[in-house]
Amino acid sequence: MKRIVLTWLLLIFILLLVIGLTSRLGWWPVSAMAVPPRWEFKLAQAALQASLSRQAVGLTNPLSPSNEILMAGLKSFKMNCAGCHGVPGQPSQWGTRNFYPRVPQFADNPPHLSAPQMFVAIKHGIRYSGMGGWDGMMTDEEFLESGDVSRAHRISSS
């Protein structure tokens, strides 16, 4: 049993050593123009969903849905977010090609996140994605308004 454990520990050490060495030698691709492999996309989405869910625990949206709130959110989205996330029927030219991973086009494919999860993503950003945190540049109310883009886009298209 001791031999099996030591063998596994050695294999893990060698794997970590190879990963560290190949990354330090620059053998890992870093181009933002590449298309992420399916496994990487799925793994990253699962990690993102789990992290946003954990960070959003206990948060609630104090804003009651109304046409005024949703129109304010749409205005904020168009001003601050549409450059990367696109507008209905018009995906972002560079957000769909020049980011790794690709920028979600929320106007045509609304996010599957709750309002608290969107709040966390917008306020604090998403590491290694190009999505910067907007804390200090927008109010919490603006985060909540622009985070509900799916409802805002449904109103704008009717």
Foldseek 3Di string as FASTA:
>chain_A
DVVVVVVVVVVVVVVVVVVVVCVVVVVDDDAFQDADDPVVVVVVVVVLVVVLVVVLPPDDDPDDDDLVLLQLLVVLCVVPPCCQQNAAPGGRPCQQGRWVVRGHNCNPPNDPDDLSSQLCCQQPNDPRTPGHHCNPVDDSSNSSSNSPNVVSSVVVVD
